[in-house]
């Protein structure tokens, strides 16, 4: 685990994925009062006050995001496959 110490209050955060990992990241960002968008092909865990986009990832979703979290429970997705997310200011 790497703690980066970002202040996310009132910042746009994109969480890509909707499994257990994404749900945990949503809770962490909610505690920081971030503006959260969850992007997933299927939405399983709806939480109030969060913007959901039911779609596959496309780099245009990075526009206006301060922080992006690639949150997947899928062990076949390697960090090298996340290189398209590098347009954001911060990537987790």
PDB file of N, CA and C in Angstrom:
ATOM      1  N   UNK A   1       0.842  -1.179   0.000  1.00  0.00           N
ATOM      2  CA  UNK A   1       0.000   0.000   0.000  1.00  0.00           C
ATOM      3  C   UNK A   1       0.885   1.240   0.000  1.00  0.00           C
ATOM      4  N   UNK A   2       0.531   2.202  -0.842  1.00  0.00           N
ATOM      5  CA  UNK A   2       1.265   3.452  -0.911  1.00  0.00           C
ATOM      6  C   UNK A   2       0.326   4.582  -0.520  1.00  0.00           C
ATOM      7  N   UNK A   3       0.686   5.334   0.472  1.00  0.00           N
ATOM      8  CA  UNK A   3      -0.097   6.487   0.893  1.00  0.00           C
ATOM      9  C   UNK A   3       0.513   7.728   0.245  1.00  0.00           C
ATOM     10  N   UNK A   4      -0.252   8.415  -0.607  1.00  0.00           N
ATOM     11  CA  UNK A   4       0.290   9.562  -1.324  1.00  0.00           C
ATOM     12  C   UNK A   4      -0.072  10.890  -0.683  1.00  0.00           C
ATOM     13  N   UNK A   5      -1.021  10.922   0.230  1.00  0.00           N
ATOM     14  CA  UNK A   5      -1.360  12.137   0.965  1.00  0.00           C
ATOM     15  C   UNK A   5      -1.981  13.239   0.122  1.00  0.00           C
ATOM     16  N   UNK A   6      -2.777  12.898  -0.875  1.00  0.00           N
ATOM     17  CA  UNK A   6      -3.438  13.909  -1.686  1.00  0.00           C
ATOM     18  C   UNK A   6      -4.641  14.474  -0.947  1.00  0.00           C
ATOM     19  N   UNK A   7      -4.862  15.759  -1.097  1.00  0.00           N
ATOM     20  CA  UNK A   7      -6.072  16.383  -0.570  1.00  0.00           C
ATOM     21  C   UNK A   7      -7.118  16.312  -1.682  1.00  0.00           C
ATOM     22  N   UNK A   8      -8.163  15.540  -1.447  1.00  0.00           N
ATOM     23  CA  UNK A   8      -9.175  15.302  -2.477  1.00  0.00           C
ATOM     24  C   UNK A   8     -10.453  16.086  -2.255  1.00  0.00           C
ATOM     25  N   UNK A   9     -10.525  16.864  -1.210  1.00  0.00           N
ATOM     26  CA  UNK A   9     -11.740  17.620  -0.916  1.00  0.00           C
ATOM     27  C   UNK A   9     -12.106  18.514  -2.098  1.00  0.00           C
ATOM     28  N   UNK A  10     -13.345  18.363  -2.568  1.00  0.00           N
ATOM     29  CA  UNK A  10     -13.888  19.122  -3.695  1.00  0.00           C
ATOM     30  C   UNK A  10     -13.131  18.904  -5.006  1.00  0.00           C
ATOM     31  N   UNK A  11     -12.402  17.807  -5.118  1.00  0.00           N
ATOM     32  CA  UNK A  11     -11.687  17.464  -6.346  1.00  0.00           C
ATOM     33  C   UNK A  11     -12.447  16.364  -7.080  1.00  0.00           C
ATOM     34  N   UNK A  12     -12.337  16.337  -8.402  1.00  0.00           N
ATOM     35  CA  UNK A  12     -12.971  15.304  -9.218  1.00  0.00           C
ATOM     36  C   UNK A  12     -12.118  14.043  -9.205  1.00  0.00           C
ATOM     37  N   UNK A  13     -12.753  12.933  -8.817  1.00  0.00           N
ATOM     38  CA  UNK A  13     -12.069  11.643  -8.752  1.00  0.00           C
ATOM     39  C   UNK A  13     -12.838  10.646  -9.615  1.00  0.00           C
ATOM     40  N   UNK A  14     -12.122   9.982 -10.501  1.00  0.00           N
ATOM     41  CA  UNK A  14     -12.703   8.934 -11.341  1.00  0.00           C
ATOM     42  C   UNK A  14     -12.220   7.582 -10.838  1.00  0.00           C
ATOM     43  N   UNK A  15     -13.167   6.695 -10.547  1.00  0.00           N
ATOM     44  CA  UNK A  15     -12.839   5.330 -10.139  1.00  0.00           C
ATOM     45  C   UNK A  15     -13.304   4.408 -11.255  1.00  0.00           C
ATOM     46  N   UNK A  16     -12.352   3.709 -11.864  1.00  0.00           N
ATOM     47  CA  UNK A  16     -12.659   2.812 -12.974  1.00  0.00           C
ATOM     48  C   UNK A  16     -12.757   1.400 -12.419  1.00  0.00           C
ATOM     49  N   UNK A  17     -13.972   0.833 -12.453  1.00  0.00           N
ATOM     50  CA  UNK A  17     -14.233  -0.489 -11.909  1.00  0.00           C
ATOM     51  C   UNK A  17     -15.403  -0.429 -10.937  1.00  0.00           C
ATOM     52  N   UNK A  18     -15.957  -1.582 -10.584  1.00  0.00           N
ATOM     53  CA  UNK A  18     -17.083  -1.595  -9.648  1.00  0.00           C
ATOM     54  C   UNK A  18     -17.121  -2.874  -8.822  1.00  0.00           C
ATOM     55  N   UNK A  19     -15.980  -3.419  -8.494  1.00  0.00           N
ATOM     56  CA  UNK A  19     -15.924  -4.600  -7.634  1.00  0.00           C
ATOM     57  C   UNK A  19     -15.646  -4.191  -6.200  1.00  0.00           C
ATOM     58  N   UNK A  20     -15.151  -5.131  -5.417  1.00  0.00           N
ATOM     59  CA  UNK A  20     -14.836  -4.871  -4.009  1.00  0.00           C
ATOM     60  C   UNK A  20     -13.788  -3.769  -3.866  1.00  0.00           C
ATOM     61  N   UNK A  21     -12.794  -3.800  -4.735  1.00  0.00           N
ATOM     62  CA  UNK A  21     -11.734  -2.794  -4.679  1.00  0.00           C
ATOM     63  C   UNK A  21     -12.298  -1.410  -4.932  1.00  0.00           C
ATOM     64  N   UNK A  22     -13.122  -1.272  -5.949  1.00  0.00           N
ATOM     65  CA  UNK A  22     -13.725   0.022  -6.270  1.00  0.00           C
ATOM     66  C   UNK A  22     -14.613   0.509  -5.129  1.00  0.00           C
ATOM     67  N   UNK A  23     -15.389  -0.391  -4.551  1.00  0.00           N
ATOM     68  CA  UNK A  23     -16.283  -0.017  -3.448  1.00  0.00           C
ATOM     69  C   UNK A  23     -15.472   0.532  -2.268  1.00  0.00           C
ATOM     70  N   UNK A  24     -14.350  -0.107  -1.968  1.00  0.00           N
ATOM     71  CA  UNK A  24     -13.484   0.360  -0.880  1.00  0.00           C
ATOM     72  C   UNK A  24     -12.912   1.747  -1.204  1.00  0.00           C
ATOM     73  N   UNK A  25     -12.498   1.955  -2.454  1.00  0.00           N
ATOM     74  CA  UNK A  25     -11.949   3.245  -2.863  1.00  0.00           C
ATOM     75  C   UNK A  25     -13.009   4.337  -2.822  1.00  0.00           C
ATOM     76  N   UNK A  26     -14.252   4.003  -3.192  1.00  0.00           N
ATOM     77  CA  UNK A  26     -15.348   4.969  -3.107  1.00  0.00           C
ATOM     78  C   UNK A  26     -15.522   5.434  -1.668  1.00  0.00           C
ATOM     79  N   UNK A  27     -15.532   4.507  -0.729  1.00  0.00           N
ATOM     80  CA  UNK A  27     -15.687   4.869   0.683  1.00  0.00           C
ATOM     81  C   UNK A  27     -14.556   5.772   1.153  1.00  0.00           C
ATOM     82  N   UNK A  28     -13.325   5.465   0.721  1.00  0.00           N
ATOM     83  CA  UNK A  28     -12.178   6.287   1.106  1.00  0.00           C
ATOM     84  C   UNK A  28     -12.317   7.703   0.551  1.00  0.00           C
ATOM     85  N   UNK A  29     -12.749   7.820  -0.693  1.00  0.00           N
ATOM     86  CA  UNK A  29     -12.899   9.137  -1.314  1.00  0.00           C
ATOM     87  C   UNK A  29     -14.082   9.912  -0.730  1.00  0.00           C
ATOM     88  N   UNK A  30     -15.137   9.205  -0.338  1.00  0.00           N
ATOM     89  CA  UNK A  30     -16.272   9.859   0.315  1.00  0.00           C
ATOM     90  C   UNK A  30     -15.839  10.521   1.626  1.00  0.00           C
ATOM     91  N   UNK A  31     -14.969   9.839   2.371  1.00  0.00           N
ATOM     92  CA  UNK A  31     -14.463  10.421   3.628  1.00  0.00           C
ATOM     93  C   UNK A  31     -13.680  11.700   3.379  1.00  0.00           C
ATOM     94  N   UNK A  32     -13.117  11.830   2.180  1.00  0.00           N
ATOM     95  CA  UNK A  32     -12.331  13.016   1.819  1.00  0.00           C
ATOM     96  C   UNK A  32     -13.173  14.102   1.149  1.00  0.00           C
ATOM     97  N   UNK A  33     -14.494  13.871   1.031  1.00  0.00           N
ATOM     98  CA  UNK A  33     -15.414  14.827   0.400  1.00  0.00           C
ATOM     99  C   UNK A  33     -15.051  15.132  -1.053  1.00  0.00           C
ATOM    100  N   UNK A  34     -14.645  14.098  -1.772  1.00  0.00           N
ATOM    101  CA  UNK A  34     -14.325  14.236  -3.191  1.00  0.00           C
ATOM    102  C   UNK A  34     -15.605  14.166  -4.020  1.00  0.00           C
ATOM    103  N   UNK A  35     -15.535  14.699  -5.236  1.00  0.00           N
ATOM    104  CA  UNK A  35     -16.615  14.563  -6.215  1.00  0.00           C
ATOM    105  C   UNK A  35     -16.295  13.301  -7.019  1.00  0.00           C
ATOM    106  N   UNK A  36     -17.072  12.241  -6.800  1.00  0.00           N
ATOM    107  CA  UNK A  36     -16.719  10.915  -7.303  1.00  0.00           C
ATOM    108  C   UNK A  36     -17.558  10.531  -8.515  1.00  0.00           C
ATOM    109  N   UNK A  37     -16.864   9.999  -9.524  1.00  0.00           N
ATOM    110  CA  UNK A  37     -17.507   9.362 -10.669  1.00  0.00           C
ATOM    111  C   UNK A  37     -16.984   7.937 -10.738  1.00  0.00           C
ATOM    112  N   UNK A  38     -17.910   6.979 -10.875  1.00  0.00           N
ATOM    113  CA  UNK A  38     -17.537   5.573 -11.041  1.00  0.00           C
ATOM    114  C   UNK A  38     -17.854   5.188 -12.474  1.00  0.00           C
ATOM    115  N   UNK A  39     -16.844   4.654 -13.165  1.00  0.00           N
ATOM    116  CA  UNK A  39     -16.984   4.195 -14.540  1.00  0.00           C
ATOM    117  C   UNK A  39     -16.840   2.684 -14.561  1.00  0.00           C
ATOM    118  N   UNK A  40     -17.877   2.007 -15.048  1.00  0.00           N
ATOM    119  CA  UNK A  40     -17.845   0.549 -15.094  1.00  0.00           C
ATOM    120  C   UNK A  40     -18.795   0.065 -16.178  1.00  0.00           C
ATOM    121  N   UNK A  41     -18.456  -1.082 -16.767  1.00  0.00           N
ATOM    122  CA  UNK A  41     -19.368  -1.669 -17.765  1.00  0.00           C
ATOM    123  C   UNK A  41     -20.677  -2.097 -17.126  1.00  0.00           C
ATOM    124  N   UNK A  42     -20.647  -2.468 -15.866  1.00  0.00           N
ATOM    125  CA  UNK A  42     -21.848  -2.853 -15.129  1.00  0.00           C
ATOM    126  C   UNK A  42     -21.772  -2.223 -13.744  1.00  0.00           C
ATOM    127  N   UNK A  43     -22.847  -1.586 -13.326  1.00  0.00           N
ATOM    128  CA  UNK A  43     -22.890  -0.951 -12.008  1.00  0.00           C
ATOM    129  C   UNK A  43     -23.600  -1.899 -11.042  1.00  0.00           C
ATOM    130  N   UNK A  44     -22.862  -2.354 -10.017  1.00  0.00           N
ATOM    131  CA  UNK A  44     -23.423  -3.272  -9.030  1.00  0.00           C
ATOM    132  C   UNK A  44     -23.697  -2.601  -7.691  1.00  0.00           C
ATOM    133  N   UNK A  45     -22.892  -1.635  -7.325  1.00  0.00           N
ATOM    134  CA  UNK A  45     -22.961  -1.048  -5.983  1.00  0.00           C
ATOM    135  C   UNK A  45     -23.300   0.436  -6.078  1.00  0.00           C
ATOM    136  N   UNK A  46     -24.571   0.770  -6.203  1.00  0.00           N
ATOM    137  CA  UNK A  46     -24.957   2.174  -6.293  1.00  0.00           C
ATOM    138  C   UNK A  46     -24.963   2.819  -4.903  1.00  0.00           C
ATOM    139  N   UNK A  47     -24.347   3.982  -4.810  1.00  0.00           N
ATOM    140  CA  UNK A  47     -24.292   4.764  -3.570  1.00  0.00           C
ATOM    141  C   UNK A  47     -24.752   6.171  -3.913  1.00  0.00           C
ATOM    142  N   UNK A  48     -25.573   6.769  -3.047  1.00  0.00           N
ATOM    143  CA  UNK A  48     -26.064   8.129  -3.285  1.00  0.00           C
ATOM    144  C   UNK A  48     -24.914   9.122  -3.381  1.00  0.00           C
ATOM    145  N   UNK A  49     -25.152  10.220  -4.077  1.00  0.00           N
ATOM    146  CA  UNK A  49     -24.210  11.334  -4.239  1.00  0.00           C
ATOM    147  C   UNK A  49     -22.973  10.972  -5.049  1.00  0.00           C
ATOM    148  N   UNK A  50     -23.052   9.930  -5.847  1.00  0.00           N
ATOM    149  CA  UNK A  50     -21.952   9.539  -6.712  1.00  0.00           C
ATOM    150  C   UNK A  50     -22.478   9.471  -8.142  1.00  0.00           C
ATOM    151  N   UNK A  51     -21.707   9.991  -9.068  1.00  0.00           N
ATOM    152  CA  UNK A  51     -22.076   9.949 -10.478  1.00  0.00           C
ATOM    153  C   UNK A  51     -21.594   8.621 -11.063  1.00  0.00           C
ATOM    154  N   UNK A  52     -22.484   7.906 -11.716  1.00  0.00           N
ATOM    155  CA  UNK A  52     -22.141   6.614 -12.312  1.00  0.00           C
ATOM    156  C   UNK A  52     -22.226   6.701 -13.828  1.00  0.00           C
ATOM    157  N   UNK A  53     -21.259   6.107 -14.488  1.00  0.00           N
ATOM    158  CA  UNK A  53     -21.268   5.985 -15.941  1.00  0.00           C
ATOM    159  C   UNK A  53     -21.143   4.499 -16.263  1.00  0.00           C
ATOM    160  N   UNK A  54     -22.170   3.959 -16.901  1.00  0.00           N
ATOM    161  CA  UNK A  54     -22.145   2.538 -17.275  1.00  0.00           C
ATOM    162  C   UNK A  54     -21.614   2.428 -18.701  1.00  0.00           C
ATOM    163  N   UNK A  55     -20.318   2.202 -18.805  1.00  0.00           N
ATOM    164  CA  UNK A  55     -19.660   2.188 -20.102  1.00  0.00           C
ATOM    165  C   UNK A  55     -18.288   1.546 -19.945  1.00  0.00           C
ATOM    166  N   UNK A  56     -17.658   1.235 -21.063  1.00  0.00           N
ATOM    167  CA  UNK A  56     -16.271   0.787 -21.055  1.00  0.00           C
ATOM    168  C   UNK A  56     -15.367   2.010 -20.966  1.00  0.00           C
ATOM    169  N   UNK A  57     -14.152   1.788 -20.522  1.00  0.00           N
ATOM    170  CA  UNK A  57     -13.192   2.877 -20.392  1.00  0.00           C
ATOM    171  C   UNK A  57     -12.832   3.480 -21.744  1.00  0.00           C
ATOM    172  N   UNK A  58     -12.763   4.787 -21.773  1.00  0.00           N
ATOM    173  CA  UNK A  58     -12.241   5.536 -22.913  1.00  0.00           C
ATOM    174  C   UNK A  58     -11.483   6.735 -22.343  1.00  0.00           C
ATOM    175  N   UNK A  59     -10.394   7.106 -22.969  1.00  0.00           N
ATOM    176  CA  UNK A  59      -9.543   8.169 -22.427  1.00  0.00           C
ATOM    177  C   UNK A  59     -10.266   9.501 -22.261  1.00  0.00           C
ATOM    178  N   UNK A  60     -11.354   9.724 -22.974  1.00  0.00           N
ATOM    179  CA  UNK A  60     -12.094  10.983 -22.828  1.00  0.00           C
ATOM    180  C   UNK A  60     -12.681  11.143 -21.425  1.00  0.00           C
ATOM    181  N   UNK A  61     -12.851  10.036 -20.710  1.00  0.00           N
ATOM    182  CA  UNK A  61     -13.368  10.118 -19.338  1.00  0.00           C
ATOM    183  C   UNK A  61     -12.350  10.731 -18.375  1.00  0.00           C
ATOM    184  N   UNK A  62     -11.122  10.908 -18.811  1.00  0.00           N
ATOM    185  CA  UNK A  62     -10.098  11.511 -17.957  1.00  0.00           C
ATOM    186  C   UNK A  62     -10.194  13.037 -17.914  1.00  0.00           C
ATOM    187  N   UNK A  63     -10.916  13.612 -18.871  1.00  0.00           N
ATOM    188  CA  UNK A  63     -11.039  15.066 -18.909  1.00  0.00           C
ATOM    189  C   UNK A  63     -11.595  15.592 -17.592  1.00  0.00           C
ATOM    190  N   UNK A  64     -10.993  16.616 -17.058  1.00  0.00           N
ATOM    191  CA  UNK A  64     -11.419  17.311 -15.834  1.00  0.00           C
ATOM    192  C   UNK A  64     -11.311  16.464 -14.571  1.00  0.00           C
ATOM    193  N   UNK A  65     -10.552  15.382 -14.601  1.00  0.00           N
ATOM    194  CA  UNK A  65     -10.360  14.562 -13.404  1.00  0.00           C
ATOM    195  C   UNK A  65      -9.046  14.947 -12.730  1.00  0.00           C
ATOM    196  N   UNK A  66      -9.090  15.127 -11.428  1.00  0.00           N
ATOM    197  CA  UNK A  66      -7.892  15.426 -10.659  1.00  0.00           C
ATOM    198  C   UNK A  66      -7.129  14.150 -10.327  1.00  0.00           C
ATOM    199  N   UNK A  67      -7.891  13.081 -10.017  1.00  0.00           N
ATOM    200  CA  UNK A  67      -7.290  11.830  -9.560  1.00  0.00           C
ATOM    201  C   UNK A  67      -8.066  10.676 -10.175  1.00  0.00           C
ATOM    202  N   UNK A  68      -7.357   9.671 -10.658  1.00  0.00           N
ATOM    203  CA  UNK A  68      -7.983   8.501 -11.273  1.00  0.00           C
ATOM    204  C   UNK A  68      -7.499   7.249 -10.566  1.00  0.00           C
ATOM    205  N   UNK A  69      -8.443   6.377 -10.223  1.00  0.00           N
ATOM    206  CA  UNK A  69      -8.117   5.118  -9.554  1.00  0.00           C
ATOM    207  C   UNK A  69      -8.565   3.973 -10.457  1.00  0.00           C
ATOM    208  N   UNK A  70      -7.620   3.153 -10.871  1.00  0.00           N
ATOM    209  CA  UNK A  70      -7.938   1.945 -11.631  1.00  0.00           C
ATOM    210  C   UNK A  70      -8.173   0.841 -10.602  1.00  0.00           C
ATOM    211  N   UNK A  71      -9.443   0.595 -10.286  1.00  0.00           N
ATOM    212  CA  UNK A  71      -9.807  -0.328  -9.209  1.00  0.00           C
ATOM    213  C   UNK A  71     -10.497  -1.543  -9.800  1.00  0.00           C
ATOM    214  N   UNK A  72      -9.783  -2.644  -9.840  1.00  0.00           N
ATOM    215  CA  UNK A  72     -10.361  -3.857 -10.404  1.00  0.00           C
ATOM    216  C   UNK A  72     -10.045  -5.049  -9.509  1.00  0.00           C
ATOM    217  N   UNK A  73     -10.971  -5.970  -9.470  1.00  0.00           N
ATOM    218  CA  UNK A  73     -10.759  -7.238  -8.769  1.00  0.00           C
ATOM    219  C   UNK A  73     -10.268  -8.298  -9.744  1.00  0.00           C
ATOM    220  N   UNK A  74     -10.092  -7.921 -11.001  1.00  0.00           N
ATOM    221  CA  UNK A  74      -9.700  -8.859 -12.040  1.00  0.00           C
ATOM    222  C   UNK A  74      -8.181  -9.014 -12.051  1.00  0.00           C
ATOM    223  N   UNK A  75      -7.662 -10.173 -11.638  1.00  0.00           N
ATOM    224  CA  UNK A  75      -6.209 -10.358 -11.561  1.00  0.00           C
ATOM    225  C   UNK A  75      -5.515 -10.412 -12.920  1.00  0.00           C
ATOM    226  N   UNK A  76      -6.282 -10.535 -14.006  1.00  0.00           N
ATOM    227  CA  UNK A  76      -5.660 -10.596 -15.329  1.00  0.00           C
ATOM    228  C   UNK A  76      -5.305  -9.216 -15.867  1.00  0.00           C
ATOM    229  N   UNK A  77      -5.819  -8.166 -15.230  1.00  0.00           N
ATOM    230  CA  UNK A  77      -5.502  -6.808 -15.677  1.00  0.00           C
ATOM    231  C   UNK A  77      -4.250  -6.349 -14.947  1.00  0.00           C
ATOM    232  N   UNK A  78      -3.188  -6.170 -15.707  1.00  0.00           N
ATOM    233  CA  UNK A  78      -1.898  -5.789 -15.135  1.00  0.00           C
ATOM    234  C   UNK A  78      -1.737  -4.269 -15.171  1.00  0.00           C
ATOM    235  N   UNK A  79      -0.923  -3.713 -14.275  1.00  0.00           N
ATOM    236  CA  UNK A  79      -0.706  -2.262 -14.285  1.00  0.00           C
ATOM    237  C   UNK A  79      -0.249  -1.720 -15.633  1.00  0.00           C
ATOM    238  N   UNK A  80       0.464  -2.508 -16.422  1.00  0.00           N
ATOM    239  CA  UNK A  80       0.921  -2.032 -17.729  1.00  0.00           C
ATOM    240  C   UNK A  80      -0.241  -1.796 -18.673  1.00  0.00           C
ATOM    241  N   UNK A  81      -1.371  -2.453 -18.428  1.00  0.00           N
ATOM    242  CA  UNK A  81      -2.555  -2.252 -19.264  1.00  0.00           C
ATOM    243  C   UNK A  81      -3.298  -0.978 -18.900  1.00  0.00           C
ATOM    244  N   UNK A  82      -2.851  -0.298 -17.887  1.00  0.00           N
ATOM    245  CA  UNK A  82      -3.506   0.923 -17.431  1.00  0.00           C
ATOM    246  C   UNK A  82      -2.820   2.167 -17.984  1.00  0.00           C
ATOM    247  N   UNK A  83      -1.909   2.013 -18.905  1.00  0.00           N
ATOM    248  CA  UNK A  83      -1.123   3.145 -19.391  1.00  0.00           C
ATOM    249  C   UNK A  83      -1.983   4.242 -20.003  1.00  0.00           C
ATOM    250  N   UNK A  84      -3.139   3.911 -20.526  1.00  0.00           N
ATOM    251  CA  UNK A  84      -4.024   4.928 -21.092  1.00  0.00           C
ATOM    252  C   UNK A  84      -4.551   5.903 -20.066  1.00  0.00           C
ATOM    253  N   UNK A  85      -4.437   5.557 -18.801  1.00  0.00           N
ATOM    254  CA  UNK A  85      -4.918   6.447 -17.748  1.00  0.00           C
ATOM    255  C   UNK A  85      -3.918   7.543 -17.402  1.00  0.00           C
ATOM    256  N   UNK A  86      -2.762   7.533 -18.011  1.00  0.00           N
ATOM    257  CA  UNK A  86      -1.687   8.438 -17.607  1.00  0.00           C
ATOM    258  C   UNK A  86      -1.930   9.904 -17.950  1.00  0.00           C
ATOM    259  N   UNK A  87      -3.015  10.239 -18.661  1.00  0.00           N
ATOM    260  CA  UNK A  87      -3.318  11.634 -18.966  1.00  0.00           C
ATOM    261  C   UNK A  87      -3.793  12.397 -17.754  1.00  0.00           C
ATOM    262  N   UNK A  88      -4.266  11.730 -16.723  1.00  0.00           N
ATOM    263  CA  UNK A  88      -4.750  12.440 -15.541  1.00  0.00           C
ATOM    264  C   UNK A  88      -3.572  12.992 -14.761  1.00  0.00           C
ATOM    265  N   UNK A  89      -3.851  13.903 -13.841  1.00  0.00           N
ATOM    266  CA  UNK A  89      -2.800  14.489 -13.022  1.00  0.00           C
ATOM    267  C   UNK A  89      -2.213  13.468 -12.064  1.00  0.00           C
ATOM    268  N   UNK A  90      -3.070  12.607 -11.535  1.00  0.00           N
ATOM    269  CA  UNK A  90      -2.643  11.604 -10.568  1.00  0.00           C
ATOM    270  C   UNK A  90      -3.337  10.292 -10.893  1.00  0.00           C
ATOM    271  N   UNK A  91      -2.610   9.216 -10.813  1.00  0.00           N
ATOM    272  CA  UNK A  91      -3.141   7.892 -11.106  1.00  0.00           C
ATOM    273  C   UNK A  91      -2.826   6.962  -9.972  1.00  0.00           C
ATOM    274  N   UNK A  92      -3.816   6.206  -9.538  1.00  0.00           N
ATOM    275  CA  UNK A  92      -3.574   5.193  -8.512  1.00  0.00           C
ATOM    276  C   UNK A  92      -3.896   3.842  -9.109  1.00  0.00           C
TER     277      UNK A  92
END
